[in-house]
N, C-alpha and C. Protein backbone atom coordinates (compact mmCIF):
# COMPACT_ATOMS: atom_id res chain seq x y z
N MET A 1 53.75 61.83 -157.77
CA MET A 1 53.89 60.43 -157.35
C MET A 1 52.83 59.56 -158.02
N LEU A 2 51.56 60.01 -157.98
CA LEU A 2 50.50 59.25 -158.59
C LEU A 2 50.68 59.14 -160.09
N SER A 3 51.14 60.22 -160.72
CA SER A 3 51.35 60.18 -162.17
C SER A 3 52.48 59.22 -162.52
N THR A 4 53.49 59.14 -161.65
CA THR A 4 54.60 58.21 -161.89
C THR A 4 54.12 56.77 -161.84
N ILE A 5 53.26 56.47 -160.83
CA ILE A 5 52.71 55.12 -160.70
C ILE A 5 51.85 54.78 -161.91
N ALA A 6 51.02 55.75 -162.34
CA ALA A 6 50.13 55.51 -163.47
C ALA A 6 50.92 55.25 -164.74
N SER A 7 51.99 56.03 -164.95
CA SER A 7 52.77 55.86 -166.17
C SER A 7 53.55 54.56 -166.17
N ALA A 8 53.85 54.02 -164.97
CA ALA A 8 54.60 52.78 -164.87
C ALA A 8 53.72 51.54 -165.01
N ALA A 9 52.41 51.74 -164.90
CA ALA A 9 51.50 50.59 -164.99
C ALA A 9 51.52 50.01 -166.38
N ALA A 10 51.48 48.70 -166.45
CA ALA A 10 51.49 48.03 -167.74
C ALA A 10 50.19 48.29 -168.48
N PRO A 11 50.24 48.52 -169.77
CA PRO A 11 49.01 48.75 -170.54
C PRO A 11 48.14 47.49 -170.55
N VAL A 12 46.84 47.68 -170.58
CA VAL A 12 45.91 46.56 -170.61
C VAL A 12 45.78 46.08 -172.05
N THR A 13 45.98 44.81 -172.26
CA THR A 13 45.87 44.23 -173.59
C THR A 13 44.40 44.12 -173.99
N ASP A 14 44.10 44.57 -175.19
CA ASP A 14 42.72 44.45 -175.68
C ASP A 14 42.52 43.04 -176.22
N SER A 15 42.09 42.16 -175.34
CA SER A 15 41.88 40.76 -175.71
C SER A 15 40.53 40.32 -175.18
N ILE A 16 40.03 39.20 -175.69
CA ILE A 16 38.75 38.69 -175.21
C ILE A 16 38.84 38.31 -173.75
N ASP A 17 40.00 37.85 -173.29
CA ASP A 17 40.16 37.51 -171.87
C ASP A 17 39.95 38.74 -170.99
N GLU A 18 40.49 39.88 -171.44
CA GLU A 18 40.31 41.11 -170.67
C GLU A 18 38.86 41.59 -170.74
N ARG A 19 38.25 41.46 -171.90
CA ARG A 19 36.91 42.01 -172.08
C ARG A 19 35.83 41.20 -171.37
N VAL A 20 36.12 39.96 -171.00
CA VAL A 20 35.11 39.18 -170.28
C VAL A 20 35.37 39.13 -168.78
N ARG A 21 36.25 39.99 -168.30
CA ARG A 21 36.51 40.01 -166.85
C ARG A 21 35.24 40.34 -166.07
N ALA A 22 34.35 41.13 -166.65
CA ALA A 22 33.08 41.41 -165.98
C ALA A 22 32.26 40.13 -165.81
N CYS A 23 32.41 39.18 -166.72
CA CYS A 23 31.70 37.91 -166.62
C CYS A 23 32.31 37.03 -165.53
N THR A 24 33.65 36.91 -165.54
CA THR A 24 34.31 36.02 -164.60
C THR A 24 34.30 36.56 -163.18
N ALA A 25 34.03 37.85 -163.02
CA ALA A 25 33.91 38.40 -161.66
C ALA A 25 32.80 37.71 -160.88
N CYS A 26 31.74 37.29 -161.59
CA CYS A 26 30.63 36.59 -160.93
C CYS A 26 30.65 35.09 -161.23
N HIS A 27 30.94 34.72 -162.47
CA HIS A 27 30.86 33.32 -162.88
C HIS A 27 32.14 32.53 -162.59
N GLY A 28 33.14 33.18 -162.03
CA GLY A 28 34.35 32.49 -161.64
C GLY A 28 35.38 32.44 -162.74
N GLU A 29 36.61 32.15 -162.35
CA GLU A 29 37.71 32.06 -163.29
C GLU A 29 37.37 31.08 -164.41
N GLN A 30 37.54 31.53 -165.65
CA GLN A 30 37.23 30.74 -166.84
C GLN A 30 35.75 30.36 -166.94
N GLY A 31 34.92 31.02 -166.13
CA GLY A 31 33.50 30.70 -166.16
C GLY A 31 33.15 29.37 -165.52
N ARG A 32 34.01 28.93 -164.58
CA ARG A 32 33.82 27.60 -163.97
C ARG A 32 32.80 27.61 -162.85
N ALA A 33 32.20 28.75 -162.52
CA ALA A 33 31.20 28.93 -161.47
C ALA A 33 31.86 29.23 -160.13
N THR A 34 31.06 29.69 -159.20
CA THR A 34 31.55 30.02 -157.87
C THR A 34 30.94 29.06 -156.86
N SER A 35 31.52 29.03 -155.68
CA SER A 35 31.10 28.05 -154.68
C SER A 35 29.76 28.37 -154.04
N ASP A 36 29.23 29.59 -154.23
CA ASP A 36 27.97 29.93 -153.57
C ASP A 36 26.75 29.31 -154.25
N GLY A 37 26.92 28.78 -155.47
CA GLY A 37 25.81 28.12 -156.13
C GLY A 37 24.84 29.05 -156.82
N TYR A 38 25.08 30.34 -156.75
CA TYR A 38 24.14 31.29 -157.35
C TYR A 38 24.48 31.57 -158.80
N TYR A 39 25.78 31.70 -159.08
CA TYR A 39 26.21 31.98 -160.45
C TYR A 39 26.62 30.67 -161.12
N PRO A 40 25.96 30.30 -162.20
CA PRO A 40 26.21 28.98 -162.79
C PRO A 40 27.49 28.92 -163.59
N ARG A 41 27.94 27.72 -163.85
CA ARG A 41 29.06 27.47 -164.75
C ARG A 41 28.63 27.82 -166.17
N ILE A 42 29.45 28.60 -166.86
CA ILE A 42 29.20 28.90 -168.27
C ILE A 42 30.29 28.31 -169.15
N ALA A 43 31.39 27.88 -168.57
CA ALA A 43 32.47 27.27 -169.34
C ALA A 43 31.99 25.98 -170.00
N GLY A 44 32.31 25.83 -171.28
CA GLY A 44 32.01 24.59 -171.97
C GLY A 44 30.59 24.41 -172.43
N LYS A 45 29.70 25.36 -172.09
CA LYS A 45 28.33 25.26 -172.59
C LYS A 45 28.34 25.50 -174.11
N PRO A 46 27.42 24.91 -174.85
CA PRO A 46 27.39 25.14 -176.29
C PRO A 46 27.28 26.63 -176.61
N ALA A 47 28.02 27.07 -177.62
CA ALA A 47 28.06 28.48 -177.97
C ALA A 47 26.67 29.01 -178.31
N GLY A 48 25.87 28.20 -179.00
CA GLY A 48 24.52 28.64 -179.35
C GLY A 48 23.67 28.89 -178.13
N TYR A 49 23.82 28.04 -177.11
CA TYR A 49 23.06 28.23 -175.87
C TYR A 49 23.49 29.51 -175.18
N LEU A 50 24.79 29.71 -175.01
CA LEU A 50 25.28 30.91 -174.33
C LEU A 50 24.83 32.17 -175.07
N TYR A 51 24.91 32.15 -176.38
CA TYR A 51 24.47 33.30 -177.17
C TYR A 51 22.99 33.55 -176.95
N ASN A 52 22.17 32.51 -176.99
CA ASN A 52 20.73 32.68 -176.77
C ASN A 52 20.44 33.33 -175.43
N GLN A 53 21.18 32.92 -174.38
CA GLN A 53 20.92 33.47 -173.06
C GLN A 53 21.33 34.94 -172.97
N LEU A 54 22.45 35.28 -173.59
CA LEU A 54 22.86 36.68 -173.61
C LEU A 54 21.81 37.54 -174.32
N VAL A 55 21.29 37.05 -175.43
CA VAL A 55 20.24 37.77 -176.14
C VAL A 55 18.98 37.85 -175.29
N ASN A 56 18.64 36.76 -174.59
CA ASN A 56 17.45 36.77 -173.74
C ASN A 56 17.56 37.81 -172.64
N PHE A 57 18.75 37.94 -172.02
CA PHE A 57 18.95 38.98 -171.01
C PHE A 57 18.85 40.36 -171.64
N ARG A 58 19.47 40.52 -172.77
CA ARG A 58 19.46 41.83 -173.44
C ARG A 58 18.05 42.25 -173.84
N ASP A 59 17.26 41.26 -174.33
CA ASP A 59 15.95 41.58 -174.88
C ASP A 59 14.81 41.41 -173.89
N GLY A 60 15.13 41.09 -172.62
CA GLY A 60 14.12 41.08 -171.58
C GLY A 60 13.40 39.77 -171.34
N ARG A 61 13.81 38.70 -171.99
CA ARG A 61 13.16 37.41 -171.74
C ARG A 61 13.66 36.76 -170.46
N ARG A 62 14.86 37.15 -170.02
CA ARG A 62 15.36 36.73 -168.71
C ARG A 62 15.62 37.98 -167.89
N ARG A 63 15.44 37.86 -166.58
CA ARG A 63 15.53 39.03 -165.71
C ARG A 63 16.66 38.88 -164.71
N ASN A 64 17.62 39.75 -164.83
CA ASN A 64 18.69 39.89 -163.85
C ASN A 64 19.30 41.26 -164.09
N PRO A 65 19.16 42.18 -163.12
CA PRO A 65 19.60 43.56 -163.36
C PRO A 65 21.05 43.68 -163.80
N MET A 66 21.95 42.91 -163.19
CA MET A 66 23.36 43.01 -163.54
C MET A 66 23.61 42.51 -164.97
N MET A 67 23.01 41.36 -165.31
CA MET A 67 23.20 40.84 -166.66
C MET A 67 22.62 41.79 -167.70
N THR A 68 21.46 42.32 -167.43
CA THR A 68 20.83 43.25 -168.38
C THR A 68 21.70 44.48 -168.56
N TYR A 69 22.25 45.00 -167.47
CA TYR A 69 23.13 46.17 -167.54
C TYR A 69 24.36 45.89 -168.39
N LEU A 70 24.92 44.70 -168.26
CA LEU A 70 26.15 44.38 -168.97
C LEU A 70 25.94 44.21 -170.47
N VAL A 71 24.79 43.67 -170.87
CA VAL A 71 24.63 43.31 -172.28
C VAL A 71 23.63 44.17 -173.04
N ARG A 72 22.98 45.11 -172.39
CA ARG A 72 21.86 45.79 -173.05
C ARG A 72 22.25 46.58 -174.29
N ASN A 73 23.51 47.00 -174.39
CA ASN A 73 23.94 47.78 -175.56
C ASN A 73 24.90 47.02 -176.47
N LEU A 74 25.04 45.72 -176.25
CA LEU A 74 26.00 44.95 -177.03
C LEU A 74 25.33 44.36 -178.28
N PRO A 75 25.99 44.46 -179.43
CA PRO A 75 25.42 43.91 -180.67
C PRO A 75 25.55 42.39 -180.71
N ASP A 76 24.80 41.79 -181.61
CA ASP A 76 24.79 40.34 -181.74
C ASP A 76 26.19 39.77 -181.95
N ALA A 77 26.98 40.43 -182.80
CA ALA A 77 28.32 39.90 -183.12
C ALA A 77 29.19 39.81 -181.87
N TYR A 78 29.09 40.80 -181.00
CA TYR A 78 29.89 40.79 -179.77
C TYR A 78 29.40 39.69 -178.84
N LEU A 79 28.10 39.52 -178.74
CA LEU A 79 27.55 38.46 -177.90
C LEU A 79 27.98 37.08 -178.41
N ARG A 80 28.02 36.91 -179.72
CA ARG A 80 28.50 35.64 -180.28
C ARG A 80 29.97 35.40 -179.93
N GLU A 81 30.76 36.46 -179.95
CA GLU A 81 32.17 36.33 -179.61
C GLU A 81 32.35 35.89 -178.15
N ILE A 82 31.57 36.49 -177.26
CA ILE A 82 31.63 36.11 -175.84
C ILE A 82 31.20 34.65 -175.67
N ALA A 83 30.11 34.28 -176.33
CA ALA A 83 29.60 32.91 -176.21
C ALA A 83 30.62 31.90 -176.71
N LEU A 84 31.24 32.18 -177.85
CA LEU A 84 32.23 31.26 -178.41
C LEU A 84 33.43 31.13 -177.49
N HIS A 85 33.84 32.24 -176.88
CA HIS A 85 34.98 32.21 -175.97
C HIS A 85 34.74 31.23 -174.82
N PHE A 86 33.61 31.36 -174.15
CA PHE A 86 33.36 30.50 -172.99
C PHE A 86 33.05 29.06 -173.40
N SER A 87 32.48 28.88 -174.59
CA SER A 87 32.19 27.51 -175.03
C SER A 87 33.47 26.71 -175.26
N ASN A 88 34.55 27.40 -175.51
CA ASN A 88 35.83 26.73 -175.77
C ASN A 88 36.67 26.50 -174.52
N LEU A 89 36.17 26.89 -173.37
CA LEU A 89 36.89 26.69 -172.11
C LEU A 89 36.36 25.45 -171.41
N HIS A 90 37.26 24.61 -170.91
CA HIS A 90 36.84 23.36 -170.29
C HIS A 90 37.63 23.07 -169.02
N PRO A 91 37.53 23.94 -168.01
CA PRO A 91 38.19 23.64 -166.74
C PRO A 91 37.52 22.44 -166.08
N PRO A 92 38.22 21.73 -165.21
CA PRO A 92 37.63 20.54 -164.58
C PRO A 92 36.43 20.89 -163.71
N PHE A 93 35.52 19.94 -163.61
CA PHE A 93 34.35 20.10 -162.75
C PHE A 93 34.71 19.71 -161.32
N PRO A 94 34.16 20.41 -160.34
CA PRO A 94 34.36 19.98 -158.95
C PRO A 94 33.50 18.76 -158.65
N ALA A 95 33.80 18.09 -157.56
CA ALA A 95 32.96 16.97 -157.12
C ALA A 95 31.60 17.52 -156.70
N PRO A 96 30.52 16.77 -156.90
CA PRO A 96 29.21 17.25 -156.49
C PRO A 96 29.13 17.43 -154.98
N ALA A 97 28.32 18.40 -154.56
CA ALA A 97 28.14 18.65 -153.14
C ALA A 97 27.43 17.46 -152.50
N VAL A 98 27.83 17.14 -151.30
CA VAL A 98 27.21 16.03 -150.57
C VAL A 98 25.95 16.55 -149.88
N ALA A 99 24.83 15.87 -150.13
CA ALA A 99 23.57 16.27 -149.52
C ALA A 99 22.82 15.02 -149.08
N SER A 100 22.05 15.16 -148.01
CA SER A 100 21.26 14.04 -147.51
C SER A 100 19.88 14.09 -148.18
N ILE A 101 19.69 13.22 -149.17
CA ILE A 101 18.45 13.18 -149.92
C ILE A 101 17.83 11.80 -149.78
N ALA A 102 16.53 11.76 -149.55
CA ALA A 102 15.84 10.47 -149.42
C ALA A 102 16.01 9.65 -150.69
N PRO A 103 16.30 8.37 -150.57
CA PRO A 103 16.47 7.51 -151.76
C PRO A 103 15.29 7.57 -152.72
N ALA A 104 14.06 7.65 -152.19
CA ALA A 104 12.88 7.71 -153.05
C ALA A 104 12.87 8.99 -153.89
N THR A 105 13.34 10.08 -153.31
CA THR A 105 13.41 11.34 -154.04
C THR A 105 14.43 11.25 -155.16
N LEU A 106 15.60 10.68 -154.85
CA LEU A 106 16.62 10.54 -155.87
C LEU A 106 16.16 9.61 -157.00
N GLU A 107 15.44 8.56 -156.67
CA GLU A 107 14.96 7.65 -157.69
C GLU A 107 13.92 8.32 -158.58
N ARG A 108 13.06 9.14 -157.98
CA ARG A 108 12.09 9.89 -158.79
C ARG A 108 12.82 10.86 -159.71
N GLY A 109 13.85 11.50 -159.21
CA GLY A 109 14.62 12.41 -160.03
C GLY A 109 15.32 11.69 -161.17
N ARG A 110 15.89 10.52 -160.88
CA ARG A 110 16.55 9.74 -161.93
C ARG A 110 15.56 9.33 -163.01
N THR A 111 14.37 8.92 -162.59
CA THR A 111 13.35 8.51 -163.56
C THR A 111 12.95 9.67 -164.46
N LEU A 112 12.72 10.83 -163.88
CA LEU A 112 12.33 11.98 -164.69
C LEU A 112 13.45 12.38 -165.65
N ALA A 113 14.67 12.34 -165.18
CA ALA A 113 15.80 12.77 -166.01
C ALA A 113 16.07 11.81 -167.15
N THR A 114 15.92 10.52 -166.91
CA THR A 114 16.33 9.53 -167.91
C THR A 114 15.18 8.88 -168.65
N ARG A 115 13.97 8.93 -168.08
CA ARG A 115 12.83 8.27 -168.74
C ARG A 115 11.62 9.18 -168.89
N GLY A 116 11.54 10.24 -168.09
CA GLY A 116 10.39 11.12 -168.13
C GLY A 116 9.21 10.51 -167.40
N ASP A 117 8.02 11.06 -167.64
CA ASP A 117 6.79 10.57 -167.03
C ASP A 117 5.70 10.66 -168.09
N SER A 118 5.40 9.55 -168.74
CA SER A 118 4.43 9.56 -169.83
C SER A 118 3.04 9.94 -169.36
N ALA A 119 2.69 9.60 -168.11
CA ALA A 119 1.36 9.93 -167.60
C ALA A 119 1.15 11.44 -167.52
N LYS A 120 2.22 12.19 -167.27
CA LYS A 120 2.14 13.65 -167.20
C LYS A 120 2.63 14.32 -168.48
N ASN A 121 2.98 13.50 -169.47
CA ASN A 121 3.52 14.01 -170.73
C ASN A 121 4.77 14.85 -170.49
N ILE A 122 5.62 14.36 -169.58
CA ILE A 122 6.89 15.02 -169.29
C ILE A 122 8.00 14.22 -169.97
N PRO A 123 8.68 14.80 -170.97
CA PRO A 123 9.76 14.05 -171.62
C PRO A 123 10.98 13.94 -170.72
N ALA A 124 11.80 12.94 -170.97
CA ALA A 124 13.05 12.80 -170.23
C ALA A 124 13.98 13.96 -170.55
N CYS A 125 14.76 14.37 -169.57
CA CYS A 125 15.77 15.41 -169.81
C CYS A 125 16.73 14.98 -170.91
N THR A 126 17.03 13.66 -170.94
CA THR A 126 17.98 13.15 -171.93
C THR A 126 17.47 13.29 -173.35
N ALA A 127 16.18 13.49 -173.54
CA ALA A 127 15.63 13.58 -174.89
C ALA A 127 16.21 14.75 -175.66
N CYS A 128 16.58 15.81 -174.96
CA CYS A 128 17.17 16.98 -175.63
C CYS A 128 18.58 17.29 -175.12
N HIS A 129 18.82 17.05 -173.84
CA HIS A 129 20.10 17.42 -173.23
C HIS A 129 21.18 16.36 -173.40
N GLY A 130 20.85 15.28 -174.14
CA GLY A 130 21.83 14.24 -174.44
C GLY A 130 21.78 13.08 -173.47
N ASP A 131 22.15 11.91 -173.95
CA ASP A 131 22.12 10.71 -173.12
C ASP A 131 22.96 10.87 -171.86
N ALA A 132 24.08 11.60 -171.96
CA ALA A 132 24.95 11.80 -170.81
C ALA A 132 24.60 13.07 -170.05
N LEU A 133 23.57 13.80 -170.52
CA LEU A 133 23.13 15.05 -169.88
C LEU A 133 24.23 16.11 -169.86
N THR A 134 25.14 16.03 -170.83
CA THR A 134 26.21 17.02 -170.92
C THR A 134 25.94 18.05 -172.01
N GLY A 135 24.70 18.05 -172.55
CA GLY A 135 24.32 19.03 -173.54
C GLY A 135 24.50 18.54 -174.96
N THR A 136 23.87 19.24 -175.89
CA THR A 136 24.01 18.93 -177.30
C THR A 136 24.23 20.22 -178.07
N THR A 137 25.14 20.16 -179.03
CA THR A 137 25.41 21.33 -179.85
C THR A 137 24.35 21.44 -180.95
N PRO A 138 23.96 22.66 -181.32
CA PRO A 138 24.64 23.92 -180.96
C PRO A 138 24.02 24.69 -179.80
N SER A 139 22.86 24.25 -179.25
CA SER A 139 22.16 25.19 -178.37
C SER A 139 21.46 24.60 -177.15
N VAL A 140 21.74 23.34 -176.80
CA VAL A 140 21.10 22.76 -175.62
C VAL A 140 22.15 22.53 -174.55
N PRO A 141 21.98 23.10 -173.35
CA PRO A 141 23.04 23.05 -172.34
C PRO A 141 23.11 21.72 -171.61
N GLY A 142 24.27 21.45 -171.03
CA GLY A 142 24.41 20.33 -170.11
C GLY A 142 23.73 20.65 -168.80
N LEU A 143 23.28 19.61 -168.11
CA LEU A 143 22.58 19.79 -166.83
C LEU A 143 23.40 19.31 -165.64
N LEU A 144 24.50 18.62 -165.90
CA LEU A 144 25.34 18.15 -164.81
C LEU A 144 26.33 19.23 -164.41
N GLY A 145 26.78 19.16 -163.15
CA GLY A 145 27.74 20.13 -162.66
C GLY A 145 27.12 21.42 -162.20
N LEU A 146 25.78 21.46 -162.11
CA LEU A 146 25.08 22.65 -161.62
C LEU A 146 24.58 22.41 -160.20
N PRO A 147 24.63 23.42 -159.33
CA PRO A 147 24.16 23.24 -157.96
C PRO A 147 22.64 23.01 -157.90
N ARG A 148 22.24 22.27 -156.91
CA ARG A 148 20.82 21.97 -156.73
C ARG A 148 19.99 23.24 -156.61
N ASP A 149 20.45 24.20 -155.81
CA ASP A 149 19.69 25.43 -155.62
C ASP A 149 19.53 26.21 -156.92
N TYR A 150 20.57 26.19 -157.74
CA TYR A 150 20.48 26.91 -159.01
C TYR A 150 19.44 26.25 -159.92
N ILE A 151 19.45 24.92 -160.01
CA ILE A 151 18.48 24.23 -160.86
C ILE A 151 17.06 24.52 -160.37
N ASN A 152 16.85 24.43 -159.07
CA ASN A 152 15.53 24.75 -158.51
C ASN A 152 15.12 26.17 -158.85
N SER A 153 16.05 27.10 -158.74
CA SER A 153 15.72 28.50 -158.99
C SER A 153 15.34 28.74 -160.44
N GLN A 154 15.95 28.01 -161.37
CA GLN A 154 15.61 28.21 -162.78
C GLN A 154 14.23 27.64 -163.10
N PHE A 155 13.89 26.51 -162.52
CA PHE A 155 12.52 26.02 -162.68
C PHE A 155 11.53 27.04 -162.10
N GLY A 156 11.87 27.60 -160.95
CA GLY A 156 11.00 28.62 -160.36
C GLY A 156 10.86 29.84 -161.25
N ALA A 157 11.95 30.23 -161.89
CA ALA A 157 11.91 31.39 -162.79
C ALA A 157 10.99 31.12 -163.98
N TRP A 158 11.03 29.89 -164.51
CA TRP A 158 10.11 29.56 -165.61
C TRP A 158 8.66 29.57 -165.12
N GLN A 159 8.43 29.11 -163.89
CA GLN A 159 7.07 29.07 -163.37
C GLN A 159 6.45 30.45 -163.26
N ILE A 160 7.23 31.44 -162.85
CA ILE A 160 6.68 32.78 -162.64
C ILE A 160 6.91 33.70 -163.84
N GLY A 161 7.53 33.19 -164.89
CA GLY A 161 7.75 34.00 -166.08
C GLY A 161 8.96 34.89 -166.03
N ALA A 162 9.83 34.72 -165.02
CA ALA A 162 11.04 35.53 -164.94
C ALA A 162 12.11 35.03 -165.89
N ARG A 163 11.97 33.81 -166.36
CA ARG A 163 12.85 33.26 -167.38
C ARG A 163 12.00 32.76 -168.53
N ARG A 164 12.28 33.26 -169.71
CA ARG A 164 11.57 32.84 -170.91
C ARG A 164 12.58 32.63 -172.03
N ALA A 165 12.15 31.93 -173.05
CA ALA A 165 13.00 31.71 -174.22
C ALA A 165 12.20 32.05 -175.47
N THR A 166 12.85 32.00 -176.61
CA THR A 166 12.18 32.27 -177.86
C THR A 166 11.00 31.31 -178.03
N ALA A 167 9.85 31.83 -178.37
CA ALA A 167 8.66 30.99 -178.54
C ALA A 167 8.83 30.05 -179.74
N PRO A 168 8.28 28.85 -179.62
CA PRO A 168 7.60 28.26 -178.47
C PRO A 168 8.58 27.86 -177.37
N ASP A 169 8.25 28.24 -176.15
CA ASP A 169 9.15 28.03 -175.01
C ASP A 169 8.90 26.65 -174.41
N CYS A 170 9.66 25.66 -174.89
CA CYS A 170 9.42 24.28 -174.48
C CYS A 170 9.67 24.05 -172.99
N MET A 171 10.69 24.69 -172.42
CA MET A 171 10.97 24.47 -171.00
C MET A 171 9.88 25.05 -170.12
N ALA A 172 9.31 26.15 -170.52
CA ALA A 172 8.19 26.70 -169.75
C ALA A 172 7.02 25.73 -169.76
N GLU A 173 6.76 25.11 -170.91
CA GLU A 173 5.66 24.14 -171.01
C GLU A 173 5.95 22.91 -170.16
N ILE A 174 7.16 22.40 -170.21
CA ILE A 174 7.52 21.23 -169.40
C ILE A 174 7.39 21.55 -167.92
N THR A 175 7.84 22.72 -167.52
CA THR A 175 7.78 23.11 -166.11
C THR A 175 6.34 23.16 -165.61
N ARG A 176 5.41 23.61 -166.46
CA ARG A 176 4.00 23.67 -166.06
C ARG A 176 3.43 22.28 -165.79
N ARG A 177 4.02 21.26 -166.36
CA ARG A 177 3.53 19.90 -166.17
C ARG A 177 4.11 19.23 -164.93
N MET A 178 5.06 19.88 -164.28
CA MET A 178 5.76 19.28 -163.14
C MET A 178 5.24 19.84 -161.83
N THR A 179 5.15 18.96 -160.82
CA THR A 179 4.82 19.42 -159.47
C THR A 179 6.09 19.94 -158.79
N SER A 180 5.92 20.59 -157.66
CA SER A 180 7.09 21.05 -156.92
C SER A 180 7.94 19.88 -156.47
N GLU A 181 7.29 18.74 -156.17
CA GLU A 181 8.04 17.54 -155.78
C GLU A 181 8.85 17.00 -156.95
N ASP A 182 8.29 17.05 -158.15
CA ASP A 182 9.03 16.62 -159.33
C ASP A 182 10.27 17.48 -159.53
N ILE A 183 10.09 18.78 -159.41
CA ILE A 183 11.21 19.71 -159.62
C ILE A 183 12.30 19.48 -158.59
N SER A 184 11.90 19.34 -157.33
CA SER A 184 12.89 19.10 -156.27
C SER A 184 13.64 17.80 -156.49
N ALA A 185 12.93 16.78 -156.95
CA ALA A 185 13.55 15.47 -157.15
C ALA A 185 14.56 15.51 -158.30
N VAL A 186 14.17 16.07 -159.42
CA VAL A 186 15.10 16.07 -160.56
C VAL A 186 16.29 16.99 -160.29
N ALA A 187 16.07 18.09 -159.58
CA ALA A 187 17.19 18.98 -159.22
C ALA A 187 18.16 18.27 -158.30
N ALA A 188 17.64 17.52 -157.32
CA ALA A 188 18.49 16.81 -156.38
C ALA A 188 19.31 15.74 -157.09
N TRP A 189 18.66 14.99 -157.99
CA TRP A 189 19.38 13.91 -158.68
C TRP A 189 20.44 14.46 -159.62
N LEU A 190 20.10 15.49 -160.39
CA LEU A 190 21.08 16.07 -161.31
C LEU A 190 22.29 16.61 -160.55
N ALA A 191 22.04 17.31 -159.45
CA ALA A 191 23.13 17.92 -158.70
C ALA A 191 24.02 16.88 -158.03
N ALA A 192 23.50 15.68 -157.83
CA ALA A 192 24.28 14.63 -157.16
C ALA A 192 25.19 13.86 -158.11
N GLN A 193 25.06 14.10 -159.41
CA GLN A 193 25.83 13.31 -160.38
C GLN A 193 27.23 13.89 -160.59
N ARG A 194 28.19 13.03 -160.62
CA ARG A 194 29.57 13.43 -160.92
C ARG A 194 29.73 13.57 -162.43
N VAL A 195 30.43 14.60 -162.84
CA VAL A 195 30.68 14.83 -164.26
C VAL A 195 32.01 14.18 -164.64
N PRO A 196 32.00 13.21 -165.54
CA PRO A 196 33.28 12.61 -165.95
C PRO A 196 34.18 13.66 -166.58
N GLN A 197 35.44 13.68 -166.19
CA GLN A 197 36.37 14.65 -166.76
C GLN A 197 36.48 14.43 -168.27
N GLY A 198 36.54 15.53 -168.98
CA GLY A 198 36.62 15.45 -170.43
C GLY A 198 35.27 15.38 -171.12
N SER A 199 34.19 15.43 -170.34
CA SER A 199 32.86 15.38 -170.94
C SER A 199 32.59 16.65 -171.75
N LEU A 200 32.03 16.47 -172.93
CA LEU A 200 31.72 17.59 -173.81
C LEU A 200 30.30 17.44 -174.34
N PRO A 201 29.68 18.54 -174.76
CA PRO A 201 28.37 18.43 -175.41
C PRO A 201 28.46 17.54 -176.66
N LYS A 202 27.42 16.77 -176.90
CA LYS A 202 27.38 15.89 -178.07
C LYS A 202 26.68 16.60 -179.23
N SER A 203 26.89 16.10 -180.41
CA SER A 203 26.20 16.64 -181.57
C SER A 203 24.72 16.24 -181.52
N TRP A 204 23.85 17.16 -181.92
CA TRP A 204 22.41 16.89 -181.93
C TRP A 204 22.11 15.84 -182.98
N THR A 205 21.47 14.74 -182.60
CA THR A 205 21.16 13.66 -183.54
C THR A 205 19.67 13.34 -183.57
N ILE A 206 18.85 14.13 -182.87
CA ILE A 206 17.42 13.85 -182.76
C ILE A 206 16.70 14.47 -183.96
N GLU A 207 15.96 13.64 -184.69
CA GLU A 207 15.24 14.17 -185.85
C GLU A 207 14.11 15.11 -185.44
N LYS A 208 13.47 14.79 -184.34
CA LYS A 208 12.33 15.59 -183.89
C LYS A 208 12.32 15.63 -182.37
N PRO A 209 12.45 16.81 -181.75
CA PRO A 209 12.43 16.88 -180.29
C PRO A 209 11.03 16.57 -179.76
N PRO A 210 10.91 16.22 -178.48
CA PRO A 210 9.60 15.84 -177.94
C PRO A 210 8.59 16.99 -177.95
N LEU A 211 9.07 18.23 -177.89
CA LEU A 211 8.22 19.41 -178.00
C LEU A 211 8.87 20.37 -178.99
N ASP A 212 8.05 21.13 -179.70
CA ASP A 212 8.60 22.18 -180.55
C ASP A 212 9.25 23.22 -179.65
N CYS A 213 10.45 23.64 -180.02
CA CYS A 213 11.24 24.49 -179.12
C CYS A 213 11.92 25.59 -179.91
N GLY A 214 11.60 26.82 -179.59
CA GLY A 214 12.12 27.95 -180.34
C GLY A 214 13.62 28.15 -180.24
N SER A 215 14.25 27.61 -179.22
CA SER A 215 15.69 27.80 -179.05
C SER A 215 16.51 26.78 -179.82
N ILE A 216 15.85 25.78 -180.41
CA ILE A 216 16.52 24.80 -181.25
C ILE A 216 16.43 25.28 -182.69
N PRO A 217 17.52 25.28 -183.45
CA PRO A 217 17.48 25.75 -184.83
C PRO A 217 16.34 25.12 -185.63
N ALA A 218 15.70 25.92 -186.45
CA ALA A 218 14.48 25.53 -187.15
C ALA A 218 14.54 24.20 -187.88
N PRO A 219 15.61 23.86 -188.60
CA PRO A 219 15.64 22.58 -189.31
C PRO A 219 15.54 21.37 -188.39
N ARG A 220 15.86 21.56 -187.10
CA ARG A 220 15.83 20.45 -186.17
C ARG A 220 14.57 20.43 -185.32
N ARG A 221 13.69 21.41 -185.55
CA ARG A 221 12.46 21.47 -184.78
C ARG A 221 11.35 20.74 -185.53
N ALA A 222 10.31 20.39 -184.79
CA ALA A 222 9.15 19.80 -185.43
C ALA A 222 8.52 20.83 -186.36
N GLN A 223 8.14 20.41 -187.53
CA GLN A 223 7.55 21.34 -188.51
C GLN A 223 6.03 21.13 -188.57
């Protein structure tokens, strides 16, 4: 009986959709994220960014046992294929979660995201992540459409060294310049923003980023 059922089962197609099922089990259908806020949206992120993160998990710069297990034996070419697959998916964004945030906190977050804080030498998020904060190709992610708790947790990971990037690690340096109140404010403001449907990462047009950053291709970094 069991052999009859097994023989009647349809063969699994060897396709990229099938091979990334381990990814969508946590990151949601098409990589659109899950409602718990723990697993971020990976759909539509720039391919260079997704590839960098897969390499960071594989090579120990980011720490997550499940991610490390999944990618630790995968070659660069396979990781690029996975990254390109998800970068080409653009499911709609959900409406931002409703949260009760003090207006002063939201205003501080808006200021940091769009103007930065020159007194603390904190550049605006828009300086690298794009004027619309939807990311820039090939390797800077969008910041909208992410849950507040996830954004907070990533800043925390940079603070304790659980998340690192190719040196020089510009985000780690920026995080060191921010107070916990700054982090909470910018996370709250970013998470409260609605993502216009059809938003895509923009092409990188900045001649020189505010900080030298190892994850940005060398010709676009400060020399």
